[in-house]
C-alpha atoms as a PDB file:
ATOM      1  CA  UNK A   1       0.035   0.042   0.030  1.00  0.00           C
ATOM      2  CA  UNK A   2       1.319   3.099  -1.202  1.00  0.00           C
ATOM      3  CA  UNK A   3       2.162   5.678   1.181  1.00  0.00           C
ATOM      4  CA  UNK A   4      -0.659   8.594   1.075  1.00  0.00           C
ATOM      5  CA  UNK A   5      -3.266   5.597   0.294  1.00  0.00           C
ATOM      6  CA  UNK A   6      -2.086   4.388   3.866  1.00  0.00           C
ATOM      7  CA  UNK A   7      -2.252   7.518   5.753  1.00  0.00           C
ATOM      8  CA  UNK A   8      -5.672   9.348   3.826  1.00  0.00           C
ATOM      9  CA  UNK A   9      -7.428   5.532   5.000  1.00  0.00           C
ATOM     10  CA  UNK A  10      -6.053   6.511   8.421  1.00  0.00           C
ATOM     11  CA  UNK A  11      -6.646   9.858   9.171  1.00  0.00           C
ATOM     12  CA  UNK A  12     -10.880   8.985   7.105  1.00  0.00           C
ATOM     13  CA  UNK A  13     -11.341   6.134   9.772  1.00  0.00           C
ATOM     14  CA  UNK A  14     -10.208   8.246  12.479  1.00  0.00           C
ATOM     15  CA  UNK A  15     -12.525  10.996  11.182  1.00  0.00           C
ATOM     16  CA  UNK A  16     -15.110   8.891  10.712  1.00  0.00           C
ATOM     17  CA  UNK A  17     -15.042   6.977  14.309  1.00  0.00           C
ATOM     18  CA  UNK A  18     -14.860  10.414  16.188  1.00  0.00           C
ATOM     19  CA  UNK A  19     -17.382  12.241  14.298  1.00  0.00           C
ATOM     20  CA  UNK A  20     -20.138   9.748  14.846  1.00  0.00           C
ATOM     21  CA  UNK A  21     -19.093   9.286  18.281  1.00  0.00           C
ATOM     22  CA  UNK A  22     -19.956  12.853  19.263  1.00  0.00           C
ATOM     23  CA  UNK A  23     -22.654  13.221  17.012  1.00  0.00           C
ATOM     24  CA  UNK A  24     -24.015   9.790  19.227  1.00  0.00           C
ATOM     25  CA  UNK A  25     -23.327  10.501  22.624  1.00  0.00           C
ATOM     26  CA  UNK A  26     -25.403  11.878  25.397  1.00  0.00           C
ATOM     27  CA  UNK A  27     -24.022  15.224  25.771  1.00  0.00           C
ATOM     28  CA  UNK A  28     -24.202  16.578  22.331  1.00  0.00           C
ATOM     29  CA  UNK A  29     -27.736  18.704  22.011  1.00  0.00           C
ATOM     30  CA  UNK A  30     -30.739  17.244  20.497  1.00  0.00           C
ATOM     31  CA  UNK A  31     -31.900  18.465  17.556  1.00  0.00           C
ATOM     32  CA  UNK A  32     -35.098  17.763  15.698  1.00  0.00           C
ATOM     33  CA  UNK A  33     -38.192  19.405  14.527  1.00  0.00           C
ATOM     34  CA  UNK A  34     -42.129  19.393  15.227  1.00  0.00           C
ATOM     35  CA  UNK A  35     -45.203  21.068  13.919  1.00  0.00           C
ATOM     36  CA  UNK A  36     -47.486  23.082  16.385  1.00  0.00           C
ATOM     37  CA  UNK A  37     -50.435  23.935  15.496  1.00  0.00           C
ATOM     38  CA  UNK A  38     -49.488  24.232  11.623  1.00  0.00           C
ATOM     39  CA  UNK A  39     -46.078  26.558  12.567  1.00  0.00           C
ATOM     40  CA  UNK A  40     -42.698  23.924  11.616  1.00  0.00           C
ATOM     41  CA  UNK A  41     -40.367  24.287  14.871  1.00  0.00           C
ATOM     42  CA  UNK A  42     -37.031  23.110  14.207  1.00  0.00           C
ATOM     43  CA  UNK A  43     -35.111  22.820  17.952  1.00  0.00           C
ATOM     44  CA  UNK A  44     -32.046  22.732  19.563  1.00  0.00           C
ATOM     45  CA  UNK A  45     -31.639  21.260  23.184  1.00  0.00           C
ATOM     46  CA  UNK A  46     -28.605  21.367  25.657  1.00  0.00           C
ATOM     47  CA  UNK A  47     -27.889  18.355  26.962  1.00  0.00           C
ATOM     48  CA  UNK A  48     -24.532  19.357  28.963  1.00  0.00           C
ATOM     49  CA  UNK A  49     -24.304  22.631  31.038  1.00  0.00           C
ATOM     50  CA  UNK A  50     -21.654  24.313  33.482  1.00  0.00           C
ATOM     51  CA  UNK A  51     -22.219  24.409  37.244  1.00  0.00           C
ATOM     52  CA  UNK A  52     -21.656  28.573  37.012  1.00  0.00           C
ATOM     53  CA  UNK A  53     -24.911  29.532  35.774  1.00  0.00           C
ATOM     54  CA  UNK A  54     -28.312  28.810  34.991  1.00  0.00           C
ATOM     55  CA  UNK A  55     -28.393  26.559  31.553  1.00  0.00           C
ATOM     56  CA  UNK A  56     -30.736  28.479  28.728  1.00  0.00           C
ATOM     57  CA  UNK A  57     -32.459  26.479  26.711  1.00  0.00           C
ATOM     58  CA  UNK A  58     -33.872  28.477  23.670  1.00  0.00           C
ATOM     59  CA  UNK A  59     -36.301  28.124  20.877  1.00  0.00           C
ATOM     60  CA  UNK A  60     -36.101  29.527  17.624  1.00  0.00           C
ATOM     61  CA  UNK A  61     -40.287  30.249  17.492  1.00  0.00           C
ATOM     62  CA  UNK A  62     -42.318  32.786  16.169  1.00  0.00           C
ATOM     63  CA  UNK A  63     -45.182  34.537  18.072  1.00  0.00           C
ATOM     64  CA  UNK A  64     -47.901  33.733  18.728  1.00  0.00           C
ATOM     65  CA  UNK A  65     -46.450  30.759  19.781  1.00  0.00           C
ATOM     66  CA  UNK A  66     -46.248  30.971  23.679  1.00  0.00           C
ATOM     67  CA  UNK A  67     -44.556  27.899  25.793  1.00  0.00           C
ATOM     68  CA  UNK A  68     -43.359  26.523  29.173  1.00  0.00           C
ATOM     69  CA  UNK A  69     -40.487  24.421  30.416  1.00  0.00           C
ATOM     70  CA  UNK A  70     -41.204  21.809  33.117  1.00  0.00           C
ATOM     71  CA  UNK A  71     -38.503  20.154  34.751  1.00  0.00           C
ATOM     72  CA  UNK A  72     -37.197  17.729  38.130  1.00  0.00           C
ATOM     73  CA  UNK A  73     -33.942  16.570  39.065  1.00  0.00           C
ATOM     74  CA  UNK A  74     -33.163  13.395  37.269  1.00  0.00           C
ATOM     75  CA  UNK A  75     -33.885   9.868  39.073  1.00  0.00           C
ATOM     76  CA  UNK A  76     -36.017  11.409  41.633  1.00  0.00           C
ATOM     77  CA  UNK A  77     -39.467  11.693  42.996  1.00  0.00           C
ATOM     78  CA  UNK A  78     -39.416  15.422  42.752  1.00  0.00           C
ATOM     79  CA  UNK A  79     -42.795  17.200  41.795  1.00  0.00           C
ATOM     80  CA  UNK A  80     -42.205  18.634  38.099  1.00  0.00           C
ATOM     81  CA  UNK A  81     -42.115  22.617  38.420  1.00  0.00           C
ATOM     82  CA  UNK A  82     -43.498  24.130  35.426  1.00  0.00           C
ATOM     83  CA  UNK A  83     -41.625  27.927  34.234  1.00  0.00           C
ATOM     84  CA  UNK A  84     -43.302  29.884  31.846  1.00  0.00           C
ATOM     85  CA  UNK A  85     -41.083  30.696  28.848  1.00  0.00           C
ATOM     86  CA  UNK A  86     -39.922  34.614  27.827  1.00  0.00           C
ATOM     87  CA  UNK A  87     -39.796  35.939  24.439  1.00  0.00           C
ATOM     88  CA  UNK A  88     -37.002  37.021  23.018  1.00  0.00           C
ATOM     89  CA  UNK A  89     -37.562  38.481  19.392  1.00  0.00           C
ATOM     90  CA  UNK A  90     -37.988  35.517  17.649  1.00  0.00           C
ATOM     91  CA  UNK A  91     -37.108  33.257  20.348  1.00  0.00           C
ATOM     92  CA  UNK A  92     -39.085  31.505  23.319  1.00  0.00           C
ATOM     93  CA  UNK A  93     -36.501  31.247  26.666  1.00  0.00           C
ATOM     94  CA  UNK A  94     -36.170  29.359  29.770  1.00  0.00           C
ATOM     95  CA  UNK A  95     -33.783  29.065  32.770  1.00  0.00           C
ATOM     96  CA  UNK A  96     -33.222  25.461  34.119  1.00  0.00           C
ATOM     97  CA  UNK A  97     -31.375  26.185  37.955  1.00  0.00           C
ATOM     98  CA  UNK A  98     -27.510  25.062  38.120  1.00  0.00           C
ATOM     99  CA  UNK A  99     -26.702  21.797  39.474  1.00  0.00           C
ATOM    100  CA  UNK A 100     -23.629  20.360  41.147  1.00  0.00           C
ATOM    101  CA  UNK A 101     -20.969  19.211  39.396  1.00  0.00           C
ATOM    102  CA  UNK A 102     -22.620  15.500  38.369  1.00  0.00           C
ATOM    103  CA  UNK A 103     -26.013  16.606  38.753  1.00  0.00           C
ATOM    104  CA  UNK A 104     -28.717  15.681  36.249  1.00  0.00           C
ATOM    105  CA  UNK A 105     -32.517  17.543  35.194  1.00  0.00           C
ATOM    106  CA  UNK A 106     -34.560  15.911  33.116  1.00  0.00           C
ATOM    107  CA  UNK A 107     -36.946  18.547  31.582  1.00  0.00           C
ATOM    108  CA  UNK A 108     -39.697  18.631  28.880  1.00  0.00           C
ATOM    109  CA  UNK A 109     -40.254  21.911  26.482  1.00  0.00           C
ATOM    110  CA  UNK A 110     -44.161  22.679  25.450  1.00  0.00           C
ATOM    111  CA  UNK A 111     -45.733  25.026  23.045  1.00  0.00           C
ATOM    112  CA  UNK A 112     -48.491  26.165  21.877  1.00  0.00           C
ATOM    113  CA  UNK A 113     -50.399  28.869  19.858  1.00  0.00           C
ATOM    114  CA  UNK A 114     -53.360  29.259  22.798  1.00  0.00           C
ATOM    115  CA  UNK A 115     -55.282  26.110  22.221  1.00  0.00           C
ATOM    116  CA  UNK A 116     -53.268  22.498  22.677  1.00  0.00           C
ATOM    117  CA  UNK A 117     -49.696  22.442  24.139  1.00  0.00           C
ATOM    118  CA  UNK A 118     -47.337  20.287  22.528  1.00  0.00           C
ATOM    119  CA  UNK A 119     -44.278  18.955  24.280  1.00  0.00           C
ATOM    120  CA  UNK A 120     -42.007  19.135  21.321  1.00  0.00           C
ATOM    121  CA  UNK A 121     -39.866  16.227  22.633  1.00  0.00           C
ATOM    122  CA  UNK A 122     -43.086  13.766  23.050  1.00  0.00           C
ATOM    123  CA  UNK A 123     -43.281  11.887  26.538  1.00  0.00           C
ATOM    124  CA  UNK A 124     -39.751  11.196  26.598  1.00  0.00           C
ATOM    125  CA  UNK A 125     -38.166  13.827  28.845  1.00  0.00           C
ATOM    126  CA  UNK A 126     -34.405  15.676  28.004  1.00  0.00           C
ATOM    127  CA  UNK A 127     -31.850  14.898  30.488  1.00  0.00           C
ATOM    128  CA  UNK A 128     -28.891  17.609  30.924  1.00  0.00           C
ATOM    129  CA  UNK A 129     -25.531  16.729  33.480  1.00  0.00           C
ATOM    130  CA  UNK A 130     -23.577  19.528  34.538  1.00  0.00           C
ATOM    131  CA  UNK A 131     -20.284  19.409  35.025  1.00  0.00           C
ATOM    132  CA  UNK A 132     -17.877  22.119  36.558  1.00  0.00           C
ATOM    133  CA  UNK A 133     -15.835  24.558  34.344  1.00  0.00           C
ATOM    134  CA  UNK A 134     -13.075  22.715  32.705  1.00  0.00           C
ATOM    135  CA  UNK A 135      -9.340  24.904  31.434  1.00  0.00           C
ATOM    136  CA  UNK A 136      -8.941  25.112  27.808  1.00  0.00           C
ATOM    137  CA  UNK A 137      -5.069  24.468  28.399  1.00  0.00           C
ATOM    138  CA  UNK A 138      -6.505  20.324  29.803  1.00  0.00           C
ATOM    139  CA  UNK A 139      -9.209  20.205  27.192  1.00  0.00           C
ATOM    140  CA  UNK A 140      -7.114  20.671  23.472  1.00  0.00           C
ATOM    141  CA  UNK A 141      -4.029  18.570  24.603  1.00  0.00           C
ATOM    142  CA  UNK A 142      -6.269  15.786  25.490  1.00  0.00           C
ATOM    143  CA  UNK A 143      -8.751  15.629  22.477  1.00  0.00           C
ATOM    144  CA  UNK A 144      -5.490  16.404  19.950  1.00  0.00           C
ATOM    145  CA  UNK A 145      -3.938  13.415  22.370  1.00  0.00           C
ATOM    146  CA  UNK A 146      -6.849  11.426  22.439  1.00  0.00           C
ATOM    147  CA  UNK A 147      -7.237  11.791  17.922  1.00  0.00           C
ATOM    148  CA  UNK A 148      -3.960  10.939  17.948  1.00  0.00           C
ATOM    149  CA  UNK A 149      -4.484   8.030  19.630  1.00  0.00           C
ATOM    150  CA  UNK A 150      -7.062   6.318  17.452  1.00  0.00           C
ATOM    151  CA  UNK A 151      -4.836   8.044  14.525  1.00  0.00           C
ATOM    152  CA  UNK A 152      -1.994   5.232  15.445  1.00  0.00           C
ATOM    153  CA  UNK A 153      -3.874   2.802  16.375  1.00  0.00           C
ATOM    154  CA  UNK A 154      -5.571   2.731  12.929  1.00  0.00           C
ATOM    155  CA  UNK A 155      -2.078   3.034  11.265  1.00  0.00           C
ATOM    156  CA  UNK A 156      -1.085   0.299  13.044  1.00  0.00           C
ATOM    157  CA  UNK A 157      -3.867  -1.551  12.173  1.00  0.00           C
ATOM    158  CA  UNK A 158      -3.881  -0.919   8.293  1.00  0.00           C
ATOM    159  CA  UNK A 159       0.023  -1.780   8.642  1.00  0.00           C
ATOM    160  CA  UNK A 160      -0.822  -5.235  10.721  1.00  0.00           C
ATOM    161  CA  UNK A 161      -2.876  -6.517   7.347  1.00  0.00           C
ATOM    162  CA  UNK A 162       0.394  -4.418   5.062  1.00  0.00           C
ATOM    163  CA  UNK A 163       2.839  -7.596   4.403  1.00  0.00           C
ATOM    164  CA  UNK A 164       4.856  -5.005   3.670  1.00  0.00           C
ATOM    165  CA  UNK A 165       4.986  -2.866   7.037  1.00  0.00           C
ATOM    166  CA  UNK A 166       6.144  -3.787   9.843  1.00  0.00           C
ATOM    167  CA  UNK A 167       3.346  -2.381  12.795  1.00  0.00           C
ATOM    168  CA  UNK A 168       5.822  -2.116  15.759  1.00  0.00           C
ATOM    169  CA  UNK A 169       6.544   1.652  15.697  1.00  0.00           C
ATOM    170  CA  UNK A 170       2.716   2.329  15.400  1.00  0.00           C
ATOM    171  CA  UNK A 171       2.439   0.754  17.828  1.00  0.00           C
ATOM    172  CA  UNK A 172       4.498   2.473  20.355  1.00  0.00           C
ATOM    173  CA  UNK A 173       3.143   5.229  19.387  1.00  0.00           C
ATOM    174  CA  UNK A 174      -0.225   4.148  20.427  1.00  0.00           C
ATOM    175  CA  UNK A 175       0.749   2.707  23.680  1.00  0.00           C
ATOM    176  CA  UNK A 176       2.613   5.967  24.795  1.00  0.00           C
ATOM    177  CA  UNK A 177      -0.926   8.765  23.555  1.00  0.00           C
ATOM    178  CA  UNK A 178      -3.237   6.259  24.809  1.00  0.00           C
ATOM    179  CA  UNK A 179      -1.795   6.010  28.108  1.00  0.00           C
ATOM    180  CA  UNK A 180      -0.989  10.121  27.964  1.00  0.00           C
ATOM    181  CA  UNK A 181      -4.348  10.881  26.701  1.00  0.00           C
ATOM    182  CA  UNK A 182      -6.576   8.304  28.628  1.00  0.00           C
ATOM    183  CA  UNK A 183      -4.197   8.042  31.990  1.00  0.00           C
ATOM    184  CA  UNK A 184      -2.884  11.274  32.455  1.00  0.00           C
ATOM    185  CA  UNK A 185      -5.348  13.933  30.638  1.00  0.00           C
ATOM    186  CA  UNK A 186      -8.056  12.104  31.069  1.00  0.00           C
ATOM    187  CA  UNK A 187      -8.334  11.428  34.785  1.00  0.00           C
ATOM    188  CA  UNK A 188      -7.406  15.159  34.893  1.00  0.00           C
ATOM    189  CA  UNK A 189     -10.445  16.520  32.574  1.00  0.00           C
ATOM    190  CA  UNK A 190     -12.565  14.636  35.036  1.00  0.00           C
ATOM    191  CA  UNK A 191     -10.888  15.973  38.000  1.00  0.00           C
ATOM    192  CA  UNK A 192     -11.858  19.401  37.003  1.00  0.00           C
ATOM    193  CA  UNK A 193     -15.323  18.661  35.615  1.00  0.00           C
ATOM    194  CA  UNK A 194     -16.765  16.096  38.134  1.00  0.00           C
ATOM    195  CA  UNK A 195     -14.033  16.103  41.020  1.00  0.00           C
ATOM    196  CA  UNK A 196     -13.032  12.800  41.133  1.00  0.00           C
ATOM    197  CA  UNK A 197     -10.503  11.555  38.789  1.00  0.00           C
ATOM    198  CA  UNK A 198     -11.063   7.947  38.084  1.00  0.00           C
ATOM    199  CA  UNK A 199     -14.614   6.438  37.982  1.00  0.00           C
ATOM    200  CA  UNK A 200     -13.979   3.243  36.232  1.00  0.00           C
ATOM    201  CA  UNK A 201     -13.270  -0.676  36.876  1.00  0.00           C
ATOM    202  CA  UNK A 202     -12.648  -0.856  39.723  1.00  0.00           C
ATOM    203  CA  UNK A 203     -14.021   1.869  40.859  1.00  0.00           C
ATOM    204  CA  UNK A 204     -17.009   2.222  39.299  1.00  0.00           C
ATOM    205  CA  UNK A 205     -18.956   1.680  36.652  1.00  0.00           C
ATOM    206  CA  UNK A 206     -17.913   4.965  34.064  1.00  0.00           C
ATOM    207  CA  UNK A 207     -18.082   3.566  30.649  1.00  0.00           C
ATOM    208  CA  UNK A 208     -15.068   6.073  28.711  1.00  0.00           C
ATOM    209  CA  UNK A 209     -13.186   5.127  31.452  1.00  0.00           C
ATOM    210  CA  UNK A 210     -13.783   1.331  31.676  1.00  0.00           C
ATOM    211  CA  UNK A 211     -13.218   1.454  27.638  1.00  0.00           C
ATOM    212  CA  UNK A 212      -9.946   3.233  27.601  1.00  0.00           C
ATOM    213  CA  UNK A 213      -8.426   0.453  30.119  1.00  0.00           C
ATOM    214  CA  UNK A 214      -9.814  -2.311  28.069  1.00  0.00           C
ATOM    215  CA  UNK A 215      -8.245  -0.596  24.744  1.00  0.00           C
ATOM    216  CA  UNK A 216      -4.699  -0.135  26.828  1.00  0.00           C
ATOM    217  CA  UNK A 217      -4.953  -3.765  28.043  1.00  0.00           C
ATOM    218  CA  UNK A 218      -4.876  -5.032  24.673  1.00  0.00           C
ATOM    219  CA  UNK A 219      -2.373  -2.722  23.395  1.00  0.00           C
ATOM    220  CA  UNK A 220      -0.260  -3.558  26.195  1.00  0.00           C
ATOM    221  CA  UNK A 221      -1.024  -7.264  25.039  1.00  0.00           C
ATOM    222  CA  UNK A 222       0.492  -5.963  21.474  1.00  0.00           C
ATOM    223  CA  UNK A 223       3.524  -4.493  23.036  1.00  0.00           C
ATOM    224  CA  UNK A 224       4.855  -7.346  24.583  1.00  0.00           C
ATOM    225  CA  UNK A 225       3.719 -10.121  21.587  1.00  0.00           C
ATOM    226  CA  UNK A 226       6.043  -7.236  19.616  1.00  0.00           C
ATOM    227  CA  UNK A 227       8.776  -7.219  21.540  1.00  0.00           C
ATOM    228  CA  UNK A 228      11.816  -7.615  19.738  1.00  0.00           C
ATOM    229  CA  UNK A 229      10.890  -6.286  17.127  1.00  0.00           C
ATOM    230  CA  UNK A 230       8.709  -9.363  15.812  1.00  0.00           C
ATOM    231  CA  UNK A 231       5.068  -7.783  13.842  1.00  0.00           C
ATOM    232  CA  UNK A 232       2.923  -9.464  16.413  1.00  0.00           C
ATOM    233  CA  UNK A 233       0.033  -8.906  13.662  1.00  0.00           C
ATOM    234  CA  UNK A 234      -2.943 -10.877  14.789  1.00  0.00           C
ATOM    235  CA  UNK A 235      -2.121  -9.246  18.448  1.00  0.00           C
ATOM    236  CA  UNK A 236      -1.721  -5.702  16.324  1.00  0.00           C
ATOM    237  CA  UNK A 237      -4.721  -5.865  14.277  1.00  0.00           C
ATOM    238  CA  UNK A 238      -6.587  -7.242  17.728  1.00  0.00           C
ATOM    239  CA  UNK A 239      -5.938  -4.274  19.683  1.00  0.00           C
ATOM    240  CA  UNK A 240      -6.527  -1.959  16.054  1.00  0.00           C
ATOM    241  CA  UNK A 241     -10.067  -3.543  15.649  1.00  0.00           C
ATOM    242  CA  UNK A 242     -11.043  -2.988  19.712  1.00  0.00           C
ATOM    243  CA  UNK A 243     -10.021   0.597  19.978  1.00  0.00           C
ATOM    244  CA  UNK A 244     -12.373   1.227  17.214  1.00  0.00           C
ATOM    245  CA  UNK A 245     -15.270  -0.480  18.041  1.00  0.00           C
ATOM    246  CA  UNK A 246     -15.083   0.720  21.570  1.00  0.00           C
ATOM    247  CA  UNK A 247     -14.377   4.411  20.391  1.00  0.00           C
ATOM    248  CA  UNK A 248     -17.596   3.986  18.537  1.00  0.00           C
ATOM    249  CA  UNK A 249     -19.170   3.599  21.876  1.00  0.00           C
ATOM    250  CA  UNK A 250     -20.760   7.026  22.555  1.00  0.00           C
ATOM    251  CA  UNK A 251     -18.786   9.373  24.517  1.00  0.00           C
ATOM    252  CA  UNK A 252     -19.718  10.010  28.639  1.00  0.00           C
ATOM    253  CA  UNK A 253     -22.396   7.306  28.473  1.00  0.00           C
ATOM    254  CA  UNK A 254     -22.951   6.121  31.586  1.00  0.00           C
ATOM    255  CA  UNK A 255     -20.523   8.512  32.733  1.00  0.00           C
ATOM    256  CA  UNK A 256     -20.466  10.815  36.515  1.00  0.00           C
ATOM    257  CA  UNK A 257     -24.122  10.882  37.780  1.00  0.00           C
ATOM    258  CA  UNK A 258     -24.529  12.450  40.842  1.00  0.00           C
ATOM    259  CA  UNK A 259     -27.186  10.559  43.180  1.00  0.00           C
ATOM    260  CA  UNK A 260     -29.496  13.028  44.909  1.00  0.00           C
ATOM    261  CA  UNK A 261     -30.413  10.474  47.176  1.00  0.00           C
ATOM    262  CA  UNK A 262     -27.650  10.641  49.154  1.00  0.00           C
ATOM    263  CA  UNK A 263     -27.323  14.376  49.118  1.00  0.00           C
ATOM    264  CA  UNK A 264     -28.565  16.461  52.520  1.00  0.00           C
END
């Protein structure tokens, strides 16, 4: 395989998996459209917010449409709180009260022209999670390093399929980058955002932490199998495929979640 084609495939596969993960994660904005009494409304509802301020929920909805916001703490027996949406030009705007780090609210948005109220997402509420601010000097290196780890993981897998290439050096890069991104910068981000550096095995069930651990163990096996410069193609290919599959799992799925029942 020519060098250009090799890296082109590696970049395309990595970008594709990264975009898919981002678009399917539980923290990206929920987008959709609904018809309310003859008017089509497109919406974008937030599913993540910071603890330093109330979370704004805004819907582009022309007059005479009105609306209200209902919310309660997630996984509690709280009653739903209802507040009217305020009109700001062509938008209807409401605020969700800020929560502690890892706290979640379930909320619904309903619109009406004065007759029948329509819940724009149906019966299922939207869930928003709050986190403490994370400094940019942690976020950007983490994203870049994890992306690079995914790139070299993919490159190692492609090299394992090419009899003319030895995947060893790609394995070394994949192991090093995954360690820095997943076990140094990742826990640092978690510590800033939720106050706990690691919530995967054996301390918890955080899926992001656990899938990073699984991928790393596969790469350690490939690294050991390839000692003394051996290609260890089956091990490398297995590690690359496992990494690709687990990184397709939506980011932040089964992530940190505040248990309100333990709060005074």
